[in-house]
Amino acid sequence: MRKSITPSVIIALLAATCTAFGAGSGSSPSGAPSMQTREAPSPESQARNAYNAGVRSVEKADELIADAARQTDERQQKKARAKAQQAYSSALKKFASATELQPSNYEAWNYLGYTHRRAGNYDAALSAYDRALKIKPGFAEAIEYRGHAYLGLNRLSEAKEAYLTLFGGNRKLAATLLAAMQEWVGAHRATSTKDGARVDGAMVESFASWVNERSAIAGQTASLTREGAASAWH
């Protein structure tokens, strides 16, 4: 005959069970890793996150610059440009962080140069482009961006070299740099000064002649190249 279990016995058993579980839910044995501990992200992972955040800021800034160009109201233009500069400044800090965390990230160096150039820091931009090209020689995007920086410093012979290098390997980026050269000529024909520094008129016209010659050559050879025929020089 089985004896019935009284309520008092049941309560005692439940209490013992709870005590056992409580003892097992404490801290891990010495030396055992906690299940909730997470490893800190690697420098490479942090660099990648900083780089991606910087790219987003640059894209936002570029859109604001394009918006400013479309504005007819001067106040709205200034507002858009001011917001763009804030975005470029934010991006610059992110790319600087990415290069510190991962010095071999040539794309981050390239964008660091881009944001420096947008801020008017041409010498700092050139240093960043040089670092990118030292890590990845022949990196076309850095060659193009460096060409723009040379234009900003009126270093025309070096801008020409950048264009010729691109023309031999990347016609699309070469066309972008050539367009910037045409803009440079137009701006310097309109005024004899730029950023307070006098620009020699003869130098401007000599460069304009070279740009016109290269534009004609590019137009003649575009249809002869597979890239030119495919892209129609977009």
Protein backbone atom coordinates (compact mmCIF):
# COMPACT_ATOMS: atom_id res chain seq x y z
CA MET A 1 0.00 0.00 0.00
CA ARG A 2 1.47 3.34 -1.06
CA LYS A 3 1.65 6.15 1.38
CA SER A 4 0.21 9.47 0.19
CA ILE A 5 2.56 12.46 0.02
CA THR A 6 1.43 15.19 2.34
CA PRO A 7 1.39 18.87 1.26
CA SER A 8 4.19 19.66 3.70
CA VAL A 9 6.47 17.14 2.00
CA ILE A 10 5.70 18.62 -1.44
CA ILE A 11 6.61 22.11 -0.22
CA ALA A 12 9.88 20.82 1.19
CA LEU A 13 10.77 19.13 -2.10
CA LEU A 14 10.02 22.28 -4.11
CA ALA A 15 12.17 24.35 -1.81
CA ALA A 16 15.08 21.94 -2.18
CA THR A 17 14.75 22.01 -5.97
CA CYS A 18 14.76 25.81 -6.08
CA THR A 19 17.84 25.90 -3.89
CA ALA A 20 19.64 23.50 -6.21
CA PHE A 21 18.83 25.56 -9.28
CA GLY A 22 19.86 28.73 -7.52
CA ALA A 23 23.24 27.26 -6.69
CA GLY A 24 23.77 26.29 -10.32
CA SER A 25 22.85 29.73 -11.73
CA GLY A 26 25.66 31.61 -10.08
CA SER A 27 28.90 32.81 -11.67
CA SER A 28 30.87 30.53 -13.93
CA PRO A 29 33.63 28.38 -12.45
CA SER A 30 36.99 30.10 -12.29
CA GLY A 31 38.59 30.35 -15.71
CA ALA A 32 35.40 29.52 -17.66
CA PRO A 33 34.27 32.27 -20.09
CA SER A 34 30.89 33.85 -19.50
CA MET A 35 28.28 33.15 -22.16
CA GLN A 36 27.36 36.84 -22.20
CA THR A 37 30.89 38.13 -22.82
CA ARG A 38 31.40 39.56 -26.32
CA GLU A 39 34.69 40.05 -28.05
CA ALA A 40 35.65 43.63 -28.88
CA PRO A 41 35.48 44.39 -32.63
CA SER A 42 38.80 44.12 -34.43
CA PRO A 43 40.59 47.25 -35.69
CA GLU A 44 39.79 46.13 -39.23
CA SER A 45 36.09 45.90 -38.41
CA GLN A 46 36.13 49.32 -36.76
CA ALA A 47 37.98 50.75 -39.76
CA ARG A 48 35.40 49.29 -42.14
CA ASN A 49 32.53 50.79 -40.14
CA ALA A 50 34.24 54.19 -40.04
CA TYR A 51 34.93 54.03 -43.78
CA ASN A 52 31.33 53.13 -44.65
CA ALA A 53 30.00 55.91 -42.43
CA GLY A 54 32.37 58.33 -44.14
CA VAL A 55 31.20 57.28 -47.59
CA ARG A 56 27.60 57.93 -46.58
CA SER A 57 28.54 61.41 -45.36
CA VAL A 58 30.38 62.14 -48.61
CA GLU A 59 27.39 61.03 -50.68
CA LYS A 60 25.17 63.32 -48.63
CA ALA A 61 27.59 66.22 -49.05
CA ASP A 62 27.88 65.68 -52.81
CA GLU A 63 24.09 65.71 -53.11
CA LEU A 64 23.96 69.00 -51.20
CA ILE A 65 26.58 70.53 -53.50
CA ALA A 66 24.53 69.45 -56.51
CA ASP A 67 21.44 70.92 -54.89
CA ALA A 68 23.25 74.21 -54.28
CA ALA A 69 24.17 74.38 -57.97
CA ARG A 70 20.50 74.05 -58.90
CA GLN A 71 19.32 76.76 -56.52
CA THR A 72 18.52 80.19 -57.92
CA ASP A 73 18.14 81.81 -54.51
CA GLU A 74 21.52 82.89 -53.11
CA ARG A 75 20.46 82.31 -49.52
CA GLN A 76 19.41 78.75 -50.30
CA GLN A 77 22.70 78.17 -52.11
CA LYS A 78 24.70 79.26 -49.08
CA LYS A 79 22.58 77.12 -46.80
CA ALA A 80 23.11 74.00 -48.94
CA ARG A 81 26.85 74.64 -49.21
CA ALA A 82 27.15 75.12 -45.46
CA LYS A 83 25.40 71.81 -44.83
CA ALA A 84 27.65 70.15 -47.40
CA GLN A 85 30.78 71.40 -45.66
CA GLN A 86 29.51 70.04 -42.36
CA ALA A 87 28.98 66.65 -43.99
CA TYR A 88 32.46 66.73 -45.57
CA SER A 89 33.97 67.64 -42.20
CA SER A 90 32.17 64.74 -40.57
CA ALA A 91 33.35 62.39 -43.31
CA LEU A 92 36.93 63.60 -42.98
CA LYS A 93 36.98 62.62 -39.30
CA LYS A 94 35.62 59.17 -40.12
CA PHE A 95 38.20 58.55 -42.84
CA ALA A 96 40.98 59.78 -40.57
CA SER A 97 39.82 57.26 -37.99
CA ALA A 98 39.70 54.50 -40.61
CA THR A 99 43.28 55.17 -41.72
CA GLU A 100 44.49 55.18 -38.12
CA LEU A 101 42.81 51.86 -37.42
CA GLN A 102 43.87 50.29 -40.72
CA PRO A 103 46.78 52.15 -42.34
CA SER A 104 46.71 49.80 -45.35
CA ASN A 105 43.19 50.90 -46.36
CA TYR A 106 44.05 52.76 -49.57
CA GLU A 107 40.40 53.61 -50.28
CA ALA A 108 40.12 55.38 -46.92
CA TRP A 109 43.29 57.36 -47.72
CA ASN A 110 41.81 58.29 -51.07
CA TYR A 111 38.59 59.56 -49.51
CA LEU A 112 40.56 61.34 -46.81
CA GLY A 113 42.25 63.24 -49.62
CA TYR A 114 38.89 63.95 -51.24
CA THR A 115 37.42 65.46 -48.08
CA HIS A 116 40.57 67.50 -47.44
CA ARG A 117 40.34 68.84 -50.98
CA ARG A 118 36.70 69.74 -50.52
CA ALA A 119 37.74 71.74 -47.47
CA GLY A 120 40.42 73.53 -49.51
CA ASN A 121 43.29 71.72 -47.79
CA TYR A 122 45.09 70.84 -51.00
CA ASP A 123 48.48 69.98 -49.51
CA ALA A 124 46.89 67.61 -46.99
CA ALA A 125 44.84 66.13 -49.82
CA LEU A 126 47.97 65.45 -51.89
CA SER A 127 49.64 63.72 -48.94
CA ALA A 128 46.61 61.44 -48.54
CA TYR A 129 46.50 60.63 -52.27
CA ASP A 130 50.20 59.84 -52.20
CA ARG A 131 49.62 57.39 -49.36
CA ALA A 132 46.82 55.70 -51.28
CA LEU A 133 49.01 55.36 -54.37
CA LYS A 134 51.95 54.08 -52.37
CA ILE A 135 49.73 51.28 -51.06
CA LYS A 136 48.06 50.63 -54.42
CA PRO A 137 50.15 51.98 -57.32
CA GLY A 138 48.09 52.94 -60.34
CA PHE A 139 44.89 53.39 -58.35
CA ALA A 140 42.90 55.37 -60.94
CA GLU A 141 40.52 57.13 -58.56
CA ALA A 142 43.41 58.54 -56.54
CA ILE A 143 45.18 59.68 -59.71
CA GLU A 144 42.05 61.53 -60.81
CA TYR A 145 41.42 63.11 -57.42
CA ARG A 146 45.07 64.13 -57.18
CA GLY A 147 44.71 65.79 -60.59
CA HIS A 148 41.90 67.93 -59.18
CA ALA A 149 44.12 68.91 -56.25
CA TYR A 150 46.89 69.90 -58.65
CA LEU A 151 44.40 72.16 -60.42
CA GLY A 152 43.45 73.71 -57.09
CA LEU A 153 47.11 74.55 -56.52
CA ASN A 154 47.62 75.71 -60.14
CA ARG A 155 50.20 72.96 -60.64
CA LEU A 156 49.22 72.52 -64.25
CA SER A 157 52.08 70.36 -65.51
CA GLU A 158 51.31 67.75 -62.84
CA ALA A 159 47.59 67.96 -63.63
CA LYS A 160 48.47 67.24 -67.27
CA GLU A 161 50.49 64.19 -66.25
CA ALA A 162 47.57 62.90 -64.21
CA TYR A 163 45.25 63.28 -67.20
CA LEU A 164 47.62 61.51 -69.61
CA THR A 165 48.03 58.63 -67.17
CA LEU A 166 44.27 58.25 -66.90
CA PHE A 167 43.78 58.60 -70.65
CA GLY A 168 45.95 55.56 -71.14
CA GLY A 169 44.07 53.41 -68.63
CA ASN A 170 40.70 54.84 -67.65
CA ARG A 171 39.00 57.02 -70.23
CA LYS A 172 35.96 57.72 -68.08
CA LEU A 173 37.96 59.24 -65.23
CA ALA A 174 40.17 61.03 -67.75
CA ALA A 175 37.07 62.70 -69.17
CA THR A 176 36.01 63.79 -65.68
CA LEU A 177 39.40 65.39 -65.05
CA LEU A 178 39.38 67.03 -68.47
CA ALA A 179 36.01 68.60 -67.67
CA ALA A 180 37.49 70.00 -64.46
CA MET A 181 40.36 71.43 -66.50
CA GLN A 182 37.89 73.16 -68.79
CA GLU A 183 36.16 74.63 -65.75
CA TRP A 184 39.53 75.82 -64.43
CA VAL A 185 40.22 77.62 -67.70
CA GLY A 186 36.81 79.29 -67.66
CA ALA A 187 37.20 80.42 -64.06
CA HIS A 188 40.69 81.84 -64.64
CA ARG A 189 39.74 83.58 -67.84
CA ALA A 190 36.95 85.33 -65.96
CA THR A 191 39.26 86.67 -63.28
CA SER A 192 42.99 87.22 -62.97
CA THR A 193 43.08 86.04 -59.36
CA LYS A 194 42.12 82.91 -57.51
CA ASP A 195 42.28 82.68 -53.73
CA GLY A 196 44.27 85.90 -53.68
CA ALA A 197 47.08 84.56 -55.88
CA ARG A 198 47.60 86.12 -59.29
CA VAL A 199 47.45 83.73 -62.24
CA ASP A 200 49.40 84.64 -65.35
CA GLY A 201 47.13 85.18 -68.34
CA ALA A 202 49.59 83.63 -70.77
CA MET A 203 49.76 80.51 -68.61
CA VAL A 204 45.97 80.26 -68.66
CA GLU A 205 45.83 80.52 -72.45
CA SER A 206 48.63 78.01 -72.91
CA PHE A 207 46.81 75.55 -70.70
CA ALA A 208 43.53 76.28 -72.49
CA SER A 209 45.17 75.41 -75.80
CA TRP A 210 46.44 72.12 -74.39
CA VAL A 211 43.00 71.29 -72.96
CA ASN A 212 41.35 72.00 -76.32
CA GLU A 213 43.85 69.75 -78.10
CA ARG A 214 43.29 66.92 -75.64
CA SER A 215 39.53 67.33 -75.92
CA ALA A 216 39.75 66.99 -79.69
CA ILE A 217 41.96 63.90 -79.42
CA ALA A 218 39.60 62.34 -76.90
CA GLY A 219 36.66 62.94 -79.20
CA GLN A 220 38.48 61.41 -82.18
CA THR A 221 39.63 58.31 -80.34
CA ALA A 222 36.49 57.66 -78.27
CA SER A 223 34.83 55.66 -81.03
CA LEU A 224 38.00 53.66 -81.58
CA THR A 225 38.11 52.27 -78.07
CA ARG A 226 35.88 49.55 -76.72
CA GLU A 227 35.30 51.56 -73.51
CA GLY A 228 34.52 54.71 -75.45
CA ALA A 229 32.06 52.96 -77.73
CA ALA A 230 30.34 51.27 -74.79
CA SER A 231 30.10 54.24 -72.48
CA ALA A 232 29.58 56.96 -75.11
CA TRP A 233 31.61 59.15 -72.77
CA HIS A 234 28.99 59.41 -70.06
